[in-house]
C-alpha atoms as a PDB file:
ATOM      1  CA  MET A   1      57.854 169.735 118.951  1.00  0.00           C
ATOM      2  CA  THR A   2      59.418 172.949 120.229  1.00  0.00           C
ATOM      3  CA  LEU A   3      58.108 176.504 120.445  1.00  0.00           C
ATOM      4  CA  TYR A   4      60.849 179.154 120.433  1.00  0.00           C
ATOM      5  CA  GLY A   5      63.335 176.287 120.775  1.00  0.00           C
ATOM      6  CA  ALA A   6      61.780 174.884 123.986  1.00  0.00           C
ATOM      7  CA  THR A   7      59.137 172.270 124.725  1.00  0.00           C
ATOM      8  CA  PRO A   8      55.815 174.078 125.226  1.00  0.00           C
ATOM      9  CA  GLY A   9      54.159 173.735 128.596  1.00  0.00           C
ATOM     10  CA  GLY A  10      51.045 171.636 128.941  1.00  0.00           C
ATOM     11  CA  GLY A  11      52.195 168.911 126.569  1.00  0.00           C
ATOM     12  CA  PHE A  12      50.069 167.039 124.069  1.00  0.00           C
ATOM     13  CA  THR A  13      46.915 164.925 124.344  1.00  0.00           C
ATOM     14  CA  ALA A  14      46.344 161.815 122.234  1.00  0.00           C
ATOM     15  CA  VAL A  15      43.569 162.101 119.644  1.00  0.00           C
ATOM     16  CA  PRO A  16      40.836 159.598 120.635  1.00  0.00           C
ATOM     17  CA  ASN A  17      40.588 156.511 118.439  1.00  0.00           C
ATOM     18  CA  ILE A  18      43.378 157.687 116.089  1.00  0.00           C
ATOM     19  CA  THR A  19      46.688 156.010 116.828  1.00  0.00           C
ATOM     20  CA  GLY A  20      49.826 158.097 116.385  1.00  0.00           C
ATOM     21  CA  TYR A  21      48.188 161.557 116.529  1.00  0.00           C
ATOM     22  CA  SER A  22      48.039 164.097 119.349  1.00  0.00           C
ATOM     23  CA  TYR A  23      47.171 167.742 119.815  1.00  0.00           C
ATOM     24  CA  GLY A  24      48.116 170.649 122.057  1.00  0.00           C
ATOM     25  CA  GLN A  25      46.853 174.188 122.645  1.00  0.00           C
ATOM     26  CA  PHE A  26      49.336 176.894 123.672  1.00  0.00           C
ATOM     27  CA  SER A  27      48.960 180.612 124.372  1.00  0.00           C
ATOM     28  CA  VAL A  28      51.388 182.999 122.639  1.00  0.00           C
ATOM     29  CA  ALA A  29      51.986 186.733 122.699  1.00  0.00           C
ATOM     30  CA  LYS A  30      50.083 188.883 120.234  1.00  0.00           C
ATOM     31  CA  GLY A  31      52.095 190.555 117.489  1.00  0.00           C
ATOM     32  CA  ALA A  32      55.227 188.419 117.961  1.00  0.00           C
ATOM     33  CA  THR A  33      56.835 185.960 115.550  1.00  0.00           C
ATOM     34  CA  HIS A  34      56.301 182.361 116.657  1.00  0.00           C
ATOM     35  CA  VAL A  35      58.642 179.594 115.545  1.00  0.00           C
ATOM     36  CA  LEU A  36      57.526 175.956 115.647  1.00  0.00           C
ATOM     37  CA  SER A  37      59.926 173.091 114.996  1.00  0.00           C
ATOM     38  CA  ALA A  38      59.473 169.319 115.014  1.00  0.00           C
ATOM     39  CA  ASN A  39      61.194 166.206 113.748  1.00  0.00           C
ATOM     40  CA  GLN A  40      57.879 164.750 112.539  1.00  0.00           C
ATOM     41  CA  GLY A  41      54.959 166.020 110.511  1.00  0.00           C
ATOM     42  CA  PHE A  42      52.560 168.523 112.099  1.00  0.00           C
ATOM     43  CA  ASN A  43      49.851 171.012 111.221  1.00  0.00           C
ATOM     44  CA  ALA A  44      49.541 174.291 113.158  1.00  0.00           C
ATOM     45  CA  ILE A  45      46.408 176.469 113.365  1.00  0.00           C
ATOM     46  CA  ALA A  46      46.445 179.970 114.872  1.00  0.00           C
ATOM     47  CA  TYR A  47      43.292 181.234 116.617  1.00  0.00           C
ATOM     48  CA  GLU A  48      42.436 184.815 117.491  1.00  0.00           C
ATOM     49  CA  PHE A  49      39.776 185.155 120.171  1.00  0.00           C
ATOM     50  CA  GLY A  50      38.090 188.559 120.002  1.00  0.00           C
ATOM     51  CA  GLU A  51      35.335 190.234 121.973  1.00  0.00           C
ATOM     52  CA  HIS A  52      32.902 190.125 119.079  1.00  0.00           C
ATOM     53  CA  GLU A  53      34.429 187.606 116.685  1.00  0.00           C
ATOM     54  CA  SER A  54      37.121 184.934 116.531  1.00  0.00           C
ATOM     55  CA  TYR A  55      38.942 183.403 113.621  1.00  0.00           C
ATOM     56  CA  GLY A  56      41.565 180.808 112.789  1.00  0.00           C
ATOM     57  CA  TYR A  57      44.010 180.267 109.978  1.00  0.00           C
ATOM     58  CA  ALA A  58      46.718 177.801 109.001  1.00  0.00           C
ATOM     59  CA  ALA A  59      49.938 178.796 110.741  1.00  0.00           C
ATOM     60  CA  GLY A  60      52.230 176.236 109.168  1.00  0.00           C
ATOM     61  CA  THR A  61      52.610 172.618 108.143  1.00  0.00           C
ATOM     62  CA  ASN A  62      55.554 170.272 108.281  1.00  0.00           C
ATOM     63  CA  VAL A  63      55.288 167.006 106.374  1.00  0.00           C
ATOM     64  CA  LYS A  64      57.880 164.387 105.516  1.00  0.00           C
ATOM     65  CA  ASN A  65      60.322 165.517 102.879  1.00  0.00           C
ATOM     66  CA  LEU A  66      60.521 162.675 100.383  1.00  0.00           C
ATOM     67  CA  ASN A  67      63.821 164.018  99.051  1.00  0.00           C
ATOM     68  CA  GLU A  68      65.558 164.440 102.399  1.00  0.00           C
ATOM     69  CA  TYR A  69      65.314 161.964 105.271  1.00  0.00           C
ATOM     70  CA  VAL A  70      67.136 159.654 107.680  1.00  0.00           C
ATOM     71  CA  GLN A  71      66.321 155.951 107.854  1.00  0.00           C
ATOM     72  CA  PHE A  72      67.534 152.698 109.407  1.00  0.00           C
ATOM     73  CA  LEU A  73      67.843 149.467 107.409  1.00  0.00           C
ATOM     74  CA  ASN A  74      67.640 145.884 108.588  1.00  0.00           C
ATOM     75  CA  PRO A  75      70.942 144.349 107.392  1.00  0.00           C
ATOM     76  CA  ASN A  76      69.344 140.916 106.938  1.00  0.00           C
ATOM     77  CA  THR A  77      66.395 142.032 104.791  1.00  0.00           C
ATOM     78  CA  SER A  78      67.612 145.448 103.511  1.00  0.00           C
ATOM     79  CA  LYS A  79      64.179 146.794 104.432  1.00  0.00           C
ATOM     80  CA  VAL A  80      63.568 150.129 106.156  1.00  0.00           C
ATOM     81  CA  GLU A  81      62.667 149.669 109.824  1.00  0.00           C
ATOM     82  CA  SER A  82      60.087 151.881 111.537  1.00  0.00           C
ATOM     83  CA  SER A  83      61.247 150.577 114.947  1.00  0.00           C
ATOM     84  CA  SER A  84      63.609 147.917 116.237  1.00  0.00           C
ATOM     85  CA  CYS A  85      64.735 145.895 119.242  1.00  0.00           C
ATOM     86  CA  THR A  86      67.480 146.174 121.792  1.00  0.00           C
ATOM     87  CA  ALA A  87      70.738 144.584 120.585  1.00  0.00           C
ATOM     88  CA  SER A  88      69.458 144.412 116.989  1.00  0.00           C
ATOM     89  CA  THR A  89      71.814 145.554 114.239  1.00  0.00           C
ATOM     90  CA  LEU A  90      70.818 148.592 112.171  1.00  0.00           C
ATOM     91  CA  ILE A  91      72.335 150.298 109.125  1.00  0.00           C
ATOM     92  CA  PRO A  92      71.906 154.126 109.220  1.00  0.00           C
ATOM     93  CA  GLN A  93      71.298 155.988 105.973  1.00  0.00           C
ATOM     94  CA  ILE A  94      70.523 159.544 104.943  1.00  0.00           C
ATOM     95  CA  VAL A  95      69.151 160.773 101.625  1.00  0.00           C
ATOM     96  CA  LEU A  96      69.808 164.368 100.517  1.00  0.00           C
ATOM     97  CA  PRO A  97      68.946 166.409  97.421  1.00  0.00           C
ATOM     98  CA  TYR A  98      72.535 167.670  97.273  1.00  0.00           C
ATOM     99  CA  SER A  99      76.059 166.295  97.604  1.00  0.00           C
ATOM    100  CA  THR A 100      77.678 167.070 100.933  1.00  0.00           C
ATOM    101  CA  PRO A 101      81.362 167.014 101.967  1.00  0.00           C
ATOM    102  CA  GLN A 102      80.603 166.220 105.597  1.00  0.00           C
ATOM    103  CA  LEU A 103      78.024 164.504 107.816  1.00  0.00           C
ATOM    104  CA  ILE A 104      77.795 164.608 111.607  1.00  0.00           C
ATOM    105  CA  TRP A 105      75.849 161.638 112.943  1.00  0.00           C
ATOM    106  CA  ASN A 106      74.207 162.015 116.352  1.00  0.00           C
ATOM    107  CA  PHE A 107      72.450 158.779 117.271  1.00  0.00           C
ATOM    108  CA  GLY A 108      70.684 160.147 120.346  1.00  0.00           C
ATOM    109  CA  ASN A 109      72.582 157.918 122.776  1.00  0.00           C
ATOM    110  CA  ASN A 110      75.637 160.138 123.295  1.00  0.00           C
ATOM    111  CA  ALA A 111      77.314 158.592 120.235  1.00  0.00           C
ATOM    112  CA  ILE A 112      78.420 161.295 117.777  1.00  0.00           C
ATOM    113  CA  ASP A 113      80.605 160.725 114.739  1.00  0.00           C
ATOM    114  CA  THR A 114      81.833 163.154 112.071  1.00  0.00           C
ATOM    115  CA  VAL A 115      82.373 161.670 108.617  1.00  0.00           C
ATOM    116  CA  SER A 116      84.274 163.735 106.054  1.00  0.00           C
ATOM    117  CA  ARG A 117      83.965 163.064 102.330  1.00  0.00           C
ATOM    118  CA  PRO A 118      81.359 160.333 102.868  1.00  0.00           C
ATOM    119  CA  ALA A 119      80.768 157.810 100.104  1.00  0.00           C
ATOM    120  CA  LYS A 120      77.468 158.248  98.281  1.00  0.00           C
ATOM    121  CA  THR A 121      75.148 156.529  95.845  1.00  0.00           C
ATOM    122  CA  THR A 122      73.168 158.468  93.262  1.00  0.00           C
ATOM    123  CA  ILE A 123      69.412 157.935  93.065  1.00  0.00           C
ATOM    124  CA  THR A 124      67.336 159.224  90.163  1.00  0.00           C
ATOM    125  CA  LYS A 125      63.615 159.841  90.724  1.00  0.00           C
ATOM    126  CA  THR A 126      61.282 160.469  87.810  1.00  0.00           C
ATOM    127  CA  GLU A 127      57.774 161.842  88.335  1.00  0.00           C
ATOM    128  CA  GLY A 128      56.077 162.637  85.085  1.00  0.00           C
ATOM    129  CA  SER A 129      58.383 164.972  83.161  1.00  0.00           C
ATOM    130  CA  ASN A 130      60.369 165.909  86.278  1.00  0.00           C
ATOM    131  CA  THR A 131      63.619 164.164  87.175  1.00  0.00           C
ATOM    132  CA  THR A 132      65.256 164.577  90.587  1.00  0.00           C
ATOM    133  CA  VAL A 133      68.762 163.448  91.504  1.00  0.00           C
ATOM    134  CA  LEU A 134      69.230 162.408  95.140  1.00  0.00           C
ATOM    135  CA  TYR A 135      72.304 161.312  97.054  1.00  0.00           C
ATOM    136  CA  GLN A 136      72.199 158.396  99.480  1.00  0.00           C
ATOM    137  CA  TYR A 137      74.835 158.143 102.226  1.00  0.00           C
ATOM    138  CA  THR A 138      75.253 154.971 104.270  1.00  0.00           C
ATOM    139  CA  TYR A 139      76.986 155.157 107.632  1.00  0.00           C
ATOM    140  CA  GLY A 140      80.192 153.154 107.579  1.00  0.00           C
ATOM    141  CA  LYS A 141      79.341 150.626 110.280  1.00  0.00           C
ATOM    142  CA  PRO A 142      76.233 149.060 111.844  1.00  0.00           C
ATOM    143  CA  ILE A 143      74.898 150.319 115.159  1.00  0.00           C
ATOM    144  CA  THR A 144      72.886 148.824 118.014  1.00  0.00           C
ATOM    145  CA  TYR A 145      70.940 150.238 120.946  1.00  0.00           C
ATOM    146  CA  SER A 146      71.311 148.523 124.315  1.00  0.00           C
ATOM    147  CA  ASN A 147      68.330 150.119 126.046  1.00  0.00           C
ATOM    148  CA  ALA A 148      64.693 150.484 125.092  1.00  0.00           C
ATOM    149  CA  GLY A 149      63.356 153.992 124.458  1.00  0.00           C
ATOM    150  CA  THR A 150      62.712 156.617 121.823  1.00  0.00           C
ATOM    151  CA  TYR A 151      65.864 158.093 120.333  1.00  0.00           C
ATOM    152  CA  ASN A 152      66.035 161.423 118.502  1.00  0.00           C
ATOM    153  CA  ILE A 153      68.602 160.946 115.762  1.00  0.00           C
ATOM    154  CA  LYS A 154      70.067 164.067 114.188  1.00  0.00           C
ATOM    155  CA  VAL A 155      72.311 164.200 111.130  1.00  0.00           C
ATOM    156  CA  THR A 156      73.982 167.524 110.338  1.00  0.00           C
ATOM    157  CA  ALA A 157      74.916 167.999 106.688  1.00  0.00           C
ATOM    158  CA  ILE A 158      76.844 170.793 104.988  1.00  0.00           C
ATOM    159  CA  ASP A 159      74.645 172.227 102.260  1.00  0.00           C
ATOM    160  CA  THR A 160      76.878 173.732  99.581  1.00  0.00           C
ATOM    161  CA  ILE A 161      73.944 174.545  97.303  1.00  0.00           C
ATOM    162  CA  THR A 162      71.903 176.969  99.403  1.00  0.00           C
ATOM    163  CA  THR A 163      74.806 179.353 100.040  1.00  0.00           C
ATOM    164  CA  LEU A 164      78.103 179.844  98.271  1.00  0.00           C
ATOM    165  CA  CYS A 165      80.194 179.141 101.361  1.00  0.00           C
ATOM    166  CA  GLY A 166      77.923 176.386 102.558  1.00  0.00           C
ATOM    167  CA  SER A 167      75.556 176.175 105.504  1.00  0.00           C
ATOM    168  CA  THR A 168      74.589 173.356 107.811  1.00  0.00           C
ATOM    169  CA  GLU A 169      71.241 171.618 107.879  1.00  0.00           C
ATOM    170  CA  ASP A 170      69.873 169.249 110.518  1.00  0.00           C
ATOM    171  CA  ILE A 171      67.782 166.243 109.470  1.00  0.00           C
ATOM    172  CA  TYR A 172      65.946 164.358 112.208  1.00  0.00           C
ATOM    173  CA  LEU A 173      64.520 160.922 112.830  1.00  0.00           C
ATOM    174  CA  SER A 174      62.584 159.791 115.916  1.00  0.00           C
ATOM    175  CA  PHE A 175      63.213 156.056 116.331  1.00  0.00           C
ATOM    176  CA  THR A 176      61.774 153.647 118.906  1.00  0.00           C
ATOM    177  CA  ILE A 177      63.692 150.723 120.411  1.00  0.00           C
ATOM    178  CA  VAL A 178      61.813 148.068 122.405  1.00  0.00           C
ATOM    179  CA  ASP A 179      62.832 145.042 124.425  1.00  0.00           C
ATOM    180  CA  PRO A 180      61.966 141.681 122.834  1.00  0.00           C
ATOM    181  CA  PRO A 181      59.522 139.516 124.791  1.00  0.00           C
ATOM    182  CA  ALA A 182      61.176 137.345 127.458  1.00  0.00           C
ATOM    183  CA  ALA A 183      60.410 133.819 126.219  1.00  0.00           C
ATOM    184  CA  LYS A 184      59.535 131.317 128.950  1.00  0.00           C
ATOM    185  CA  PHE A 185      57.486 128.131 129.226  1.00  0.00           C
ATOM    186  CA  THR A 186      56.852 125.196 131.520  1.00  0.00           C
ATOM    187  CA  SER A 187      56.159 121.482 131.007  1.00  0.00           C
ATOM    188  CA  ARG A 188      56.847 118.088 132.542  1.00  0.00           C
ATOM    189  CA  ASP A 189      60.500 117.083 132.324  1.00  0.00           C
ATOM    190  CA  THR A 190      59.920 113.340 131.923  1.00  0.00           C
ATOM    191  CA  VAL A 191      57.066 111.498 130.228  1.00  0.00           C
ATOM    192  CA  CYS A 192      56.308 108.044 128.915  1.00  0.00           C
ATOM    193  CA  THR A 193      55.807 107.459 125.220  1.00  0.00           C
ATOM    194  CA  ALA A 194      52.180 106.595 125.914  1.00  0.00           C
ATOM    195  CA  ASP A 195      51.556 109.999 127.541  1.00  0.00           C
ATOM    196  CA  THR A 196      50.721 113.427 126.147  1.00  0.00           C
ATOM    197  CA  VAL A 197      52.567 116.420 127.549  1.00  0.00           C
ATOM    198  CA  GLY A 198      51.297 119.983 127.742  1.00  0.00           C
ATOM    199  CA  PHE A 199      53.492 123.044 127.137  1.00  0.00           C
ATOM    200  CA  LYS A 200      52.381 126.312 128.758  1.00  0.00           C
ATOM    201  CA  ASP A 201      53.659 129.660 127.507  1.00  0.00           C
ATOM    202  CA  LEU A 202      54.802 131.977 130.328  1.00  0.00           C
ATOM    203  CA  THR A 203      56.333 134.716 128.171  1.00  0.00           C
ATOM    204  CA  ILE A 204      56.379 138.185 129.699  1.00  0.00           C
ATOM    205  CA  GLY A 205      57.112 141.649 128.342  1.00  0.00           C
ATOM    206  CA  ASN A 206      56.433 142.908 124.833  1.00  0.00           C
ATOM    207  CA  THR A 207      53.017 141.764 123.559  1.00  0.00           C
ATOM    208  CA  VAL A 208      53.448 138.427 121.783  1.00  0.00           C
ATOM    209  CA  LYS A 209      52.140 138.123 118.243  1.00  0.00           C
ATOM    210  CA  THR A 210      53.436 134.693 117.171  1.00  0.00           C
ATOM    211  CA  TRP A 211      54.590 131.461 118.825  1.00  0.00           C
ATOM    212  CA  HIS A 212      56.780 128.819 117.210  1.00  0.00           C
ATOM    213  CA  TRP A 213      57.411 125.522 119.000  1.00  0.00           C
ATOM    214  CA  ASP A 214      60.084 123.074 117.850  1.00  0.00           C
ATOM    215  CA  PHE A 215      59.788 119.701 119.577  1.00  0.00           C
ATOM    216  CA  GLY A 216      63.280 118.572 118.616  1.00  0.00           C
ATOM    217  CA  ASN A 217      62.211 115.864 116.178  1.00  0.00           C
ATOM    218  CA  GLY A 218      61.076 117.894 113.173  1.00  0.00           C
ATOM    219  CA  ASP A 219      57.556 118.525 114.473  1.00  0.00           C
ATOM    220  CA  THR A 220      56.448 122.123 115.143  1.00  0.00           C
ATOM    221  CA  SER A 221      53.425 124.029 116.376  1.00  0.00           C
ATOM    222  CA  ALA A 222      52.202 127.620 116.132  1.00  0.00           C
ATOM    223  CA  VAL A 223      49.637 127.589 118.957  1.00  0.00           C
ATOM    224  CA  GLN A 224      50.343 129.301 122.260  1.00  0.00           C
ATOM    225  CA  ASN A 225      49.938 126.276 124.546  1.00  0.00           C
ATOM    226  CA  PRO A 226      50.305 123.038 122.567  1.00  0.00           C
ATOM    227  CA  VAL A 227      49.783 119.457 123.729  1.00  0.00           C
ATOM    228  CA  TYR A 228      52.174 116.937 122.217  1.00  0.00           C
ATOM    229  CA  HIS A 229      52.803 113.162 122.149  1.00  0.00           C
ATOM    230  CA  PHE A 230      56.361 111.850 121.761  1.00  0.00           C
ATOM    231  CA  LEU A 231      56.060 108.523 119.913  1.00  0.00           C
ATOM    232  CA  GLN A 232      59.655 107.387 120.366  1.00  0.00           C
ATOM    233  CA  PRO A 233      61.770 107.345 123.522  1.00  0.00           C
ATOM    234  CA  GLY A 234      64.668 109.784 123.682  1.00  0.00           C
ATOM    235  CA  LYS A 235      65.959 113.176 124.816  1.00  0.00           C
ATOM    236  CA  TYR A 236      64.225 116.038 123.007  1.00  0.00           C
ATOM    237  CA  LYS A 237      65.288 119.696 122.908  1.00  0.00           C
ATOM    238  CA  VAL A 238      62.034 121.671 122.895  1.00  0.00           C
ATOM    239  CA  THR A 239      62.414 125.305 121.778  1.00  0.00           C
ATOM    240  CA  LEU A 240      59.905 128.147 121.993  1.00  0.00           C
ATOM    241  CA  THR A 241      60.439 131.237 119.819  1.00  0.00           C
ATOM    242  CA  VAL A 242      58.131 134.194 120.393  1.00  0.00           C
ATOM    243  CA  ALA A 243      57.868 137.402 118.378  1.00  0.00           C
ATOM    244  CA  GLY A 244      56.309 140.666 119.521  1.00  0.00           C
ATOM    245  CA  THR A 245      54.120 143.064 117.577  1.00  0.00           C
ATOM    246  CA  THR A 246      57.237 144.983 116.502  1.00  0.00           C
ATOM    247  CA  GLY A 247      58.857 141.828 115.122  1.00  0.00           C
ATOM    248  CA  CYS A 248      61.320 141.434 117.995  1.00  0.00           C
ATOM    249  CA  ALA A 249      61.922 137.730 118.671  1.00  0.00           C
ATOM    250  CA  ASN A 250      63.381 135.727 121.535  1.00  0.00           C
ATOM    251  CA  SER A 251      63.890 131.995 122.147  1.00  0.00           C
ATOM    252  CA  VAL A 252      64.218 129.622 125.084  1.00  0.00           C
ATOM    253  CA  PHE A 253      64.587 125.827 125.265  1.00  0.00           C
ATOM    254  CA  LYS A 254      64.499 122.915 127.697  1.00  0.00           C
ATOM    255  CA  TYR A 255      65.011 119.162 127.431  1.00  0.00           C
ATOM    256  CA  VAL A 256      62.166 116.684 127.750  1.00  0.00           C
ATOM    257  CA  TYR A 257      62.896 112.986 128.323  1.00  0.00           C
ATOM    258  CA  ALA A 258      60.510 110.465 126.790  1.00  0.00           C
ATOM    259  CA  ARG A 259      60.828 107.077 128.508  1.00  0.00           C
ATOM    260  CA  PRO A 260      59.754 103.770 126.958  1.00  0.00           C
ATOM    261  CA  LEU A 261      56.865 101.896 128.477  1.00  0.00           C
ATOM    262  CA  PRO A 262      57.891  99.263 131.069  1.00  0.00           C
ATOM    263  CA  ILE A 263      57.947  95.653 129.798  1.00  0.00           C
ATOM    264  CA  LEU A 264      57.031  92.721 132.073  1.00  0.00           C
ATOM    265  CA  MET A 265      59.721  90.053 131.670  1.00  0.00           C
ATOM    266  CA  PHE A 266      59.419  86.322 132.557  1.00  0.00           C
ATOM    267  CA  PRO A 267      62.183  83.666 132.738  1.00  0.00           C
ATOM    268  CA  HIS A 268      62.349  81.085 129.969  1.00  0.00           C
ATOM    269  CA  HIS A 269      61.025  78.327 132.229  1.00  0.00           C
ATOM    270  CA  PHE A 270      58.382  79.078 134.725  1.00  0.00           C
ATOM    271  CA  ALA A 271      55.400  77.327 136.193  1.00  0.00           C
ATOM    272  CA  ILE A 272      52.099  78.636 137.359  1.00  0.00           C
ATOM    273  CA  HIS A 273      50.685  76.849 140.387  1.00  0.00           C
ATOM    274  CA  LEU A 274      47.002  77.078 141.082  1.00  0.00           C
ATOM    275  CA  TYR A 275      45.948  76.185 144.562  1.00  0.00           C
ATOM    276  CA  PRO A 276      42.267  75.418 145.297  1.00  0.00           C
ATOM    277  CA  LEU A 277      40.729  77.721 147.806  1.00  0.00           C
ATOM    278  CA  PRO A 278      39.063  76.025 150.784  1.00  0.00           C
ATOM    279  CA  LEU A 279      35.324  75.805 150.403  1.00  0.00           C
ATOM    280  CA  LEU A 280      33.416  76.828 153.478  1.00  0.00           C
ATOM    281  CA  ILE A 281      29.876  75.507 153.672  1.00  0.00           C
ATOM    282  CA  SER A 282      27.659  76.847 156.384  1.00  0.00           C
ATOM    283  CA  PRO A 283      24.451  75.077 157.262  1.00  0.00           C
ATOM    284  CA  LEU A 284      21.261  76.911 156.571  1.00  0.00           C
ATOM    285  CA  HIS A 285      18.894  77.373 159.448  1.00  0.00           C
ATOM    286  CA  PRO A 286      15.251  78.154 159.087  1.00  0.00           C
ATOM    287  CA  LYS A 287      14.382  81.650 160.107  1.00  0.00           C
ATOM    288  CA  GLY A 288      13.952  81.889 163.788  1.00  0.00           C
ATOM    289  CA  LYS A 289      15.619  78.516 164.475  1.00  0.00           C
END
């Protein structure tokens, strides 16, 4: 959020026990016009502190415009992503209530691209007796972010409806990119088919939500630290795939060798010789003799 185009001093404090909300209190000059701007929803309240009485009133509200917004799609699922992972592919889109001849995409990572006469898809929304026509523009190529962080995406559109000659409008999206968890595990490298082997998860980084173990023979497990028994000898590629709370996934594998049990072999003809042990007999003597 900005006040007069600059970030207000003092910052914001997280609202206790309510994830995703914060508040700030800022002093402003009396009698002046105060301009607040943000790329996310907010509610502003103005307070007047007097000698004998104080009062407050709603100073402005900014909520998500359901007819005008920027979004990123997952190309594999076509679903809208609220956040994503480093190196993941994203499809940028913008929805506008008017047709525009030009879009300037600023992806917040020093990548800026101007697209003239962008292709569009018409969307019709019906709410009761009201029908709204929207225009959806998809950026021409997928994008990725190499580094984790929060990126402020800005798309500038030429609005030919508001004014005769056209004016520009900025539409914002704050988007978070995180690193996937660094998958890692340890186990014995060689076991016998009669043994069980334990696999210990050593993943670091982004909080892990799910584990998927593939033991290389069709068997799987979803526990964090499984114990497994290879029934047949062989070389097995064991793979661990972990996914964080944001859905970011990462995999790692190692080979485990299962050895057959040793077999005691005898020649076809053999003889077992039993030799009597010498018997030692000691005379018994009465006690004291």
